[in-house]
Amino acid sequence: MKKISDVINSKRFTGNLLFYPTFIILTIFTIFPLLFVIFNSFREYWITDPKKTQFIWFKNYIDLFKDPVFLHSLTITVIFVLIAVTIELIIGMILALILEKNSKLNNIIRGFILLPMMLTPIVVGLLWKFIYDASFGILNYFIKIIFGKGLLFIGSYNQALISVIFVDVWQWTPFIFLILSAGLRTLPKEPYEAASIDGANEIQKFFYLTVPLIKKVIIIGILFRIIDTMKIFDIIYSMTGGGPSNATMLLALYNYRIGFKFFNLGYGSSIAIVQIIMMAIVLIMMTKIFKVEI
């Protein structure tokens, strides 16, 4: 028989000691809430009238795709994600390439670039709400000086979505920049030296060397931003509250309205599950298309 001291000192015991507490905590705070949300999505569940609670199976999901507000929210969420993440990737890559070399000036510029990312989203939303203000906003002040007439920004149905996309790009481009900068610093020099000898220009080096070598880093950065952008709430809530006329009513905000303003947790849970399924599909598609193991 093994001695107790030998069992305690074994790698298997240490591994179990680290694994099981983590698994229990993960189960309590992640898996259980997820299962509870799935369970609620098959019920008619009003907090204000728990006596009406009953299983309705897939009715919530059927009603979702008959709900014009949900379909609108789904559409503008997809538009928001595609535009915001694409712009963030392009600008982040350009900045990472420009500031690739280490120097005192570049380090100072990097510090300034990262500042928006360090701000709380709710603070960013309130800050840009004042900047966008049609009457007193500093942005309109300069626009009126140059063009004689200001813009409504978040007060206009046609301008509101673009305005909040710009704010998301402003705050989270530094995140993409940070990830890509880290990826660029890990690149070996030998392939670039060989490409230079073969007469390759900088554009060819970028597309045939840089992009393939940091492909995994790029995909991870995109996935993080897609997942984060699909559930964006703070900035939109503090800037527009989903308005005007549902112009910025993204899925997370619509879910909040249904669940915590109308107290329909069953319907709200089905929206949350749709969001989770969308994120899972995006993750699977990107890993399959780009052949990247996350």
Protein backbone atom coordinates (compact mmCIF):
# COMPACT_ATOMS: atom_id res chain seq x y z
CA MET A 1 0.00 0.00 0.00
CA LYS A 2 1.12 3.53 -0.75
CA LYS A 3 1.90 5.80 2.11
CA ILE A 4 -0.33 8.82 2.63
CA SER A 5 2.66 11.13 2.14
CA ASP A 6 3.42 9.49 -1.24
CA VAL A 7 -0.18 9.97 -2.38
CA ILE A 8 -0.18 13.63 -1.33
CA ASN A 9 3.13 14.25 -3.10
CA SER A 10 2.04 12.51 -6.32
CA LYS A 11 1.36 14.55 -9.46
CA ARG A 12 -2.09 13.00 -9.84
CA PHE A 13 -3.15 14.16 -6.38
CA THR A 14 -1.86 17.68 -7.09
CA GLY A 15 -3.70 17.73 -10.40
CA ASN A 16 -6.97 16.61 -8.80
CA LEU A 17 -6.51 19.15 -6.03
CA LEU A 18 -6.29 21.92 -8.64
CA PHE A 19 -8.94 20.56 -11.02
CA TYR A 20 -11.94 19.69 -8.85
CA PRO A 21 -12.34 23.01 -6.96
CA THR A 22 -12.07 24.84 -10.31
CA PHE A 23 -14.61 22.48 -11.89
CA ILE A 24 -17.05 22.96 -9.00
CA ILE A 25 -16.75 26.78 -9.17
CA LEU A 26 -17.15 26.69 -12.97
CA THR A 27 -20.23 24.48 -12.63
CA ILE A 28 -21.87 26.72 -10.05
CA PHE A 29 -21.19 30.05 -11.76
CA THR A 30 -21.22 29.10 -15.46
CA ILE A 31 -22.76 25.76 -16.36
CA PHE A 32 -25.68 25.89 -13.91
CA PRO A 33 -26.81 29.41 -14.98
CA LEU A 34 -26.54 28.34 -18.64
CA LEU A 35 -28.70 25.26 -18.04
CA PHE A 36 -31.17 27.41 -16.11
CA VAL A 37 -31.42 29.86 -19.02
CA ILE A 38 -31.99 26.97 -21.46
CA PHE A 39 -34.66 25.57 -19.13
CA ASN A 40 -36.40 28.97 -18.90
CA SER A 41 -36.36 29.41 -22.67
CA PHE A 42 -38.89 26.59 -22.95
CA ARG A 43 -41.26 28.19 -20.44
CA GLU A 44 -43.67 31.08 -20.26
CA TYR A 45 -42.12 32.72 -17.22
CA TRP A 46 -43.20 36.14 -15.98
CA ILE A 47 -41.51 37.35 -12.76
CA THR A 48 -44.53 39.50 -11.97
CA ASP A 49 -46.94 36.58 -12.26
CA PRO A 50 -45.13 33.29 -11.39
CA LYS A 51 -48.47 31.42 -11.23
CA LYS A 52 -48.70 31.59 -15.03
CA THR A 53 -45.41 29.74 -15.41
CA GLN A 54 -45.79 26.77 -17.73
CA PHE A 55 -43.87 24.77 -20.32
CA ILE A 56 -44.52 25.96 -23.85
CA TRP A 57 -41.55 24.15 -25.43
CA PHE A 58 -40.45 25.89 -28.67
CA LYS A 59 -43.13 28.58 -28.72
CA ASN A 60 -40.72 31.29 -27.52
CA TYR A 61 -38.35 30.50 -30.39
CA ILE A 62 -41.18 30.45 -32.93
CA ASP A 63 -42.44 33.80 -31.63
CA LEU A 64 -38.93 35.24 -31.85
CA PHE A 65 -38.77 34.86 -35.59
CA LYS A 66 -42.22 36.41 -35.94
CA ASP A 67 -41.18 39.38 -33.79
CA PRO A 68 -40.27 42.36 -36.05
CA VAL A 69 -38.30 44.07 -33.27
CA PHE A 70 -36.20 40.93 -32.69
CA LEU A 71 -35.55 40.53 -36.42
CA HIS A 72 -34.58 44.21 -36.61
CA SER A 73 -32.28 43.79 -33.59
CA LEU A 74 -30.71 40.70 -35.14
CA THR A 75 -30.09 42.53 -38.42
CA ILE A 76 -28.50 45.62 -36.92
CA THR A 77 -26.42 43.48 -34.53
CA VAL A 78 -24.93 41.63 -37.53
CA ILE A 79 -24.34 44.96 -39.31
CA PHE A 80 -22.77 46.43 -36.17
CA VAL A 81 -20.42 43.44 -35.73
CA LEU A 82 -19.34 43.29 -39.38
CA ILE A 83 -18.60 47.01 -39.73
CA ALA A 84 -17.03 47.56 -36.30
CA VAL A 85 -14.76 44.50 -36.30
CA THR A 86 -13.64 45.04 -39.91
CA ILE A 87 -12.66 48.67 -39.26
CA GLU A 88 -10.96 47.74 -35.97
CA LEU A 89 -8.93 45.03 -37.71
CA ILE A 90 -7.80 47.32 -40.55
CA ILE A 91 -6.86 50.28 -38.33
CA GLY A 92 -5.34 48.02 -35.68
CA MET A 93 -3.14 46.30 -38.28
CA ILE A 94 -2.02 49.61 -39.80
CA LEU A 95 -1.09 51.00 -36.38
CA ALA A 96 0.70 47.78 -35.38
CA LEU A 97 2.80 47.87 -38.58
CA ILE A 98 3.63 51.57 -38.23
CA LEU A 99 4.66 51.25 -34.57
CA GLU A 100 6.38 47.87 -34.94
CA LYS A 101 9.86 49.20 -34.15
CA ASN A 102 10.83 49.91 -30.56
CA SER A 103 11.64 53.53 -29.82
CA LYS A 104 10.83 56.03 -27.09
CA LEU A 105 8.43 57.91 -29.37
CA ASN A 106 6.64 54.71 -30.45
CA ASN A 107 6.28 53.60 -26.83
CA ILE A 108 4.70 56.95 -25.91
CA ILE A 109 2.32 56.75 -28.89
CA ARG A 110 1.38 53.16 -27.92
CA GLY A 111 0.48 54.38 -24.43
CA PHE A 112 -1.87 57.03 -25.85
CA ILE A 113 -3.44 54.54 -28.29
CA LEU A 114 -4.26 52.15 -25.43
CA LEU A 115 -5.97 54.80 -23.27
CA PRO A 116 -9.54 54.38 -24.65
CA MET A 117 -9.46 50.64 -23.94
CA MET A 118 -8.73 51.33 -20.27
CA LEU A 119 -11.92 53.35 -19.78
CA THR A 120 -15.12 51.77 -18.46
CA PRO A 121 -17.66 51.32 -21.31
CA ILE A 122 -20.42 53.13 -19.39
CA VAL A 123 -18.08 56.12 -18.96
CA VAL A 124 -17.20 56.02 -22.66
CA GLY A 125 -20.90 56.01 -23.53
CA LEU A 126 -21.67 59.03 -21.35
CA LEU A 127 -18.58 60.86 -22.60
CA TRP A 128 -19.55 60.41 -26.26
CA LYS A 129 -23.18 61.23 -25.49
CA PHE A 130 -22.03 64.70 -24.45
CA ILE A 131 -19.64 64.95 -27.42
CA TYR A 132 -22.47 64.02 -29.83
CA ASP A 133 -25.02 66.35 -28.23
CA ALA A 134 -26.78 68.24 -31.03
CA SER A 135 -26.97 71.53 -29.11
CA PHE A 136 -23.95 71.64 -26.80
CA GLY A 137 -21.62 68.89 -28.09
CA ILE A 138 -18.05 69.89 -28.94
CA LEU A 139 -18.16 67.89 -32.19
CA ASN A 140 -21.15 69.82 -33.50
CA TYR A 141 -19.50 73.06 -32.42
CA PHE A 142 -16.67 72.53 -34.92
CA ILE A 143 -18.98 71.09 -37.60
CA LYS A 144 -21.16 74.21 -37.39
CA ILE A 145 -18.09 76.43 -37.72
CA ILE A 146 -16.96 74.59 -40.88
CA PHE A 147 -20.27 73.71 -42.55
CA GLY A 148 -22.71 76.10 -40.87
CA LYS A 149 -25.03 73.28 -39.81
CA GLY A 150 -24.58 70.50 -37.27
CA LEU A 151 -25.58 66.83 -37.25
CA LEU A 152 -28.01 65.02 -34.96
CA PHE A 153 -25.74 61.96 -34.51
CA ILE A 154 -27.46 59.76 -31.88
CA GLY A 155 -30.65 61.80 -32.23
CA SER A 156 -31.18 60.70 -35.83
CA TYR A 157 -32.49 57.29 -36.91
CA ASN A 158 -30.13 57.24 -39.90
CA GLN A 159 -27.04 58.46 -38.03
CA ALA A 160 -27.37 56.75 -34.65
CA LEU A 161 -26.04 53.29 -35.58
CA ILE A 162 -22.99 54.69 -37.40
CA SER A 163 -22.34 56.99 -34.45
CA VAL A 164 -22.28 54.17 -31.89
CA ILE A 165 -20.18 51.99 -34.24
CA PHE A 166 -17.61 54.81 -34.34
CA VAL A 167 -17.48 54.86 -30.53
CA ASP A 168 -16.94 51.09 -30.39
CA VAL A 169 -14.15 51.41 -32.96
CA TRP A 170 -12.59 54.26 -30.98
CA GLN A 171 -12.53 52.25 -27.75
CA TRP A 172 -11.64 48.76 -28.98
CA THR A 173 -9.26 49.27 -31.92
CA PRO A 174 -6.47 49.47 -29.28
CA PHE A 175 -7.32 45.89 -28.27
CA ILE A 176 -6.74 44.60 -31.82
CA PHE A 177 -3.64 46.79 -32.06
CA LEU A 178 -2.26 45.27 -28.84
CA ILE A 179 -2.82 41.67 -29.97
CA LEU A 180 -1.37 42.26 -33.46
CA SER A 181 1.63 44.13 -32.04
CA ALA A 182 2.39 41.13 -29.82
CA GLY A 183 2.05 38.82 -32.84
CA LEU A 184 4.37 40.92 -35.01
CA ARG A 185 7.08 40.85 -32.36
CA THR A 186 7.20 37.05 -32.46
CA LEU A 187 7.91 36.88 -36.22
CA PRO A 188 11.27 35.41 -37.29
CA LYS A 189 13.58 37.61 -39.38
CA GLU A 190 14.94 34.90 -41.68
CA PRO A 191 11.90 34.62 -44.03
CA TYR A 192 11.91 38.40 -44.55
CA GLU A 193 15.62 38.44 -45.32
CA ALA A 194 15.13 35.62 -47.83
CA ALA A 195 12.16 37.46 -49.40
CA SER A 196 14.23 40.65 -49.72
CA ILE A 197 17.00 38.72 -51.51
CA ASP A 198 14.36 37.31 -53.90
CA GLY A 199 13.19 40.86 -54.67
CA ALA A 200 9.84 40.88 -52.81
CA ASN A 201 8.41 44.32 -51.99
CA GLU A 202 6.78 45.31 -48.69
CA ILE A 203 3.24 44.59 -49.89
CA GLN A 204 4.22 41.08 -51.02
CA LYS A 205 5.98 40.47 -47.71
CA PHE A 206 2.86 41.53 -45.85
CA PHE A 207 0.40 39.29 -47.73
CA TYR A 208 2.67 36.26 -48.27
CA LEU A 209 4.65 36.31 -45.01
CA THR A 210 3.18 38.51 -42.27
CA VAL A 211 -0.48 37.54 -42.63
CA PRO A 212 0.11 33.76 -42.85
CA LEU A 213 2.59 33.82 -39.96
CA ILE A 214 0.26 35.69 -37.59
CA LYS A 215 -2.97 34.19 -38.96
CA LYS A 216 -3.78 32.53 -35.66
CA VAL A 217 -3.24 35.78 -33.74
CA ILE A 218 -5.50 37.65 -36.18
CA ILE A 219 -8.28 35.04 -35.89
CA ILE A 220 -8.12 35.04 -32.08
CA GLY A 221 -8.34 38.85 -32.03
CA ILE A 222 -11.30 38.82 -34.43
CA LEU A 223 -13.10 36.13 -32.42
CA PHE A 224 -12.66 38.04 -29.18
CA ARG A 225 -14.04 41.19 -30.77
CA ILE A 226 -16.95 39.42 -32.51
CA ILE A 227 -18.02 37.74 -29.26
CA ASP A 228 -17.64 40.97 -27.29
CA THR A 229 -19.41 43.10 -29.92
CA MET A 230 -22.34 40.68 -30.28
CA LYS A 231 -23.16 41.15 -26.59
CA ILE A 232 -22.40 44.88 -26.40
CA PHE A 233 -24.69 46.63 -23.93
CA ASP A 234 -23.04 49.31 -21.76
CA ILE A 235 -22.13 51.85 -24.43
CA ILE A 236 -25.46 51.60 -26.27
CA TYR A 237 -27.49 51.74 -23.06
CA SER A 238 -25.70 54.85 -21.78
CA MET A 239 -25.71 56.64 -25.16
CA THR A 240 -29.08 55.92 -26.77
CA GLY A 241 -30.99 53.36 -24.70
CA GLY A 242 -31.69 51.59 -28.00
CA GLY A 243 -33.24 54.59 -29.70
CA PRO A 244 -34.19 56.59 -31.56
CA SER A 245 -37.06 54.37 -32.78
CA ASN A 246 -35.05 51.18 -32.07
CA ALA A 247 -32.27 52.35 -34.43
CA THR A 248 -29.64 51.03 -31.99
CA MET A 249 -31.70 48.27 -30.33
CA LEU A 250 -29.06 45.56 -30.50
CA LEU A 251 -29.83 42.03 -29.24
CA ALA A 252 -28.32 42.46 -25.79
CA LEU A 253 -30.33 45.63 -25.22
CA TYR A 254 -33.53 44.06 -26.52
CA ASN A 255 -32.92 41.09 -24.23
CA TYR A 256 -32.53 43.48 -21.29
CA ARG A 257 -35.77 45.25 -22.21
CA ILE A 258 -37.74 42.00 -22.44
CA GLY A 259 -36.29 40.38 -19.33
CA PHE A 260 -35.83 43.26 -16.91
CA LYS A 261 -38.34 45.89 -18.06
CA PHE A 262 -41.20 43.68 -19.21
CA PHE A 263 -40.17 40.86 -16.78
CA ASN A 264 -40.71 38.15 -19.41
CA LEU A 265 -37.79 35.89 -18.47
CA GLY A 266 -38.90 33.00 -20.66
CA TYR A 267 -38.86 35.06 -23.85
CA GLY A 268 -35.69 36.87 -22.74
CA SER A 269 -33.95 33.54 -22.12
CA SER A 270 -34.73 32.40 -25.66
CA ILE A 271 -33.06 35.59 -27.00
CA ALA A 272 -29.99 34.82 -24.89
CA ILE A 273 -29.82 31.26 -26.27
CA VAL A 274 -30.03 32.57 -29.85
CA GLN A 275 -27.08 34.87 -29.08
CA ILE A 276 -25.07 31.96 -27.68
CA ILE A 277 -25.86 29.81 -30.74
CA MET A 278 -24.81 32.66 -33.07
CA MET A 279 -21.48 33.01 -31.23
CA ALA A 280 -20.90 29.25 -31.37
CA ILE A 281 -21.63 29.18 -35.13
CA VAL A 282 -19.21 32.05 -35.75
CA LEU A 283 -16.51 30.30 -33.70
CA ILE A 284 -16.93 26.99 -35.52
CA MET A 285 -17.10 28.60 -38.98
CA MET A 286 -13.98 30.71 -38.49
CA THR A 287 -11.91 27.86 -37.08
CA LYS A 288 -13.00 25.60 -39.95
CA ILE A 289 -12.58 28.16 -42.74
CA PHE A 290 -9.17 29.38 -41.59
CA LYS A 291 -8.09 25.96 -40.27
CA VAL A 292 -7.05 27.35 -36.92
CA GLU A 293 -7.19 25.40 -33.68
CA ILE A 294 -8.16 27.62 -30.76
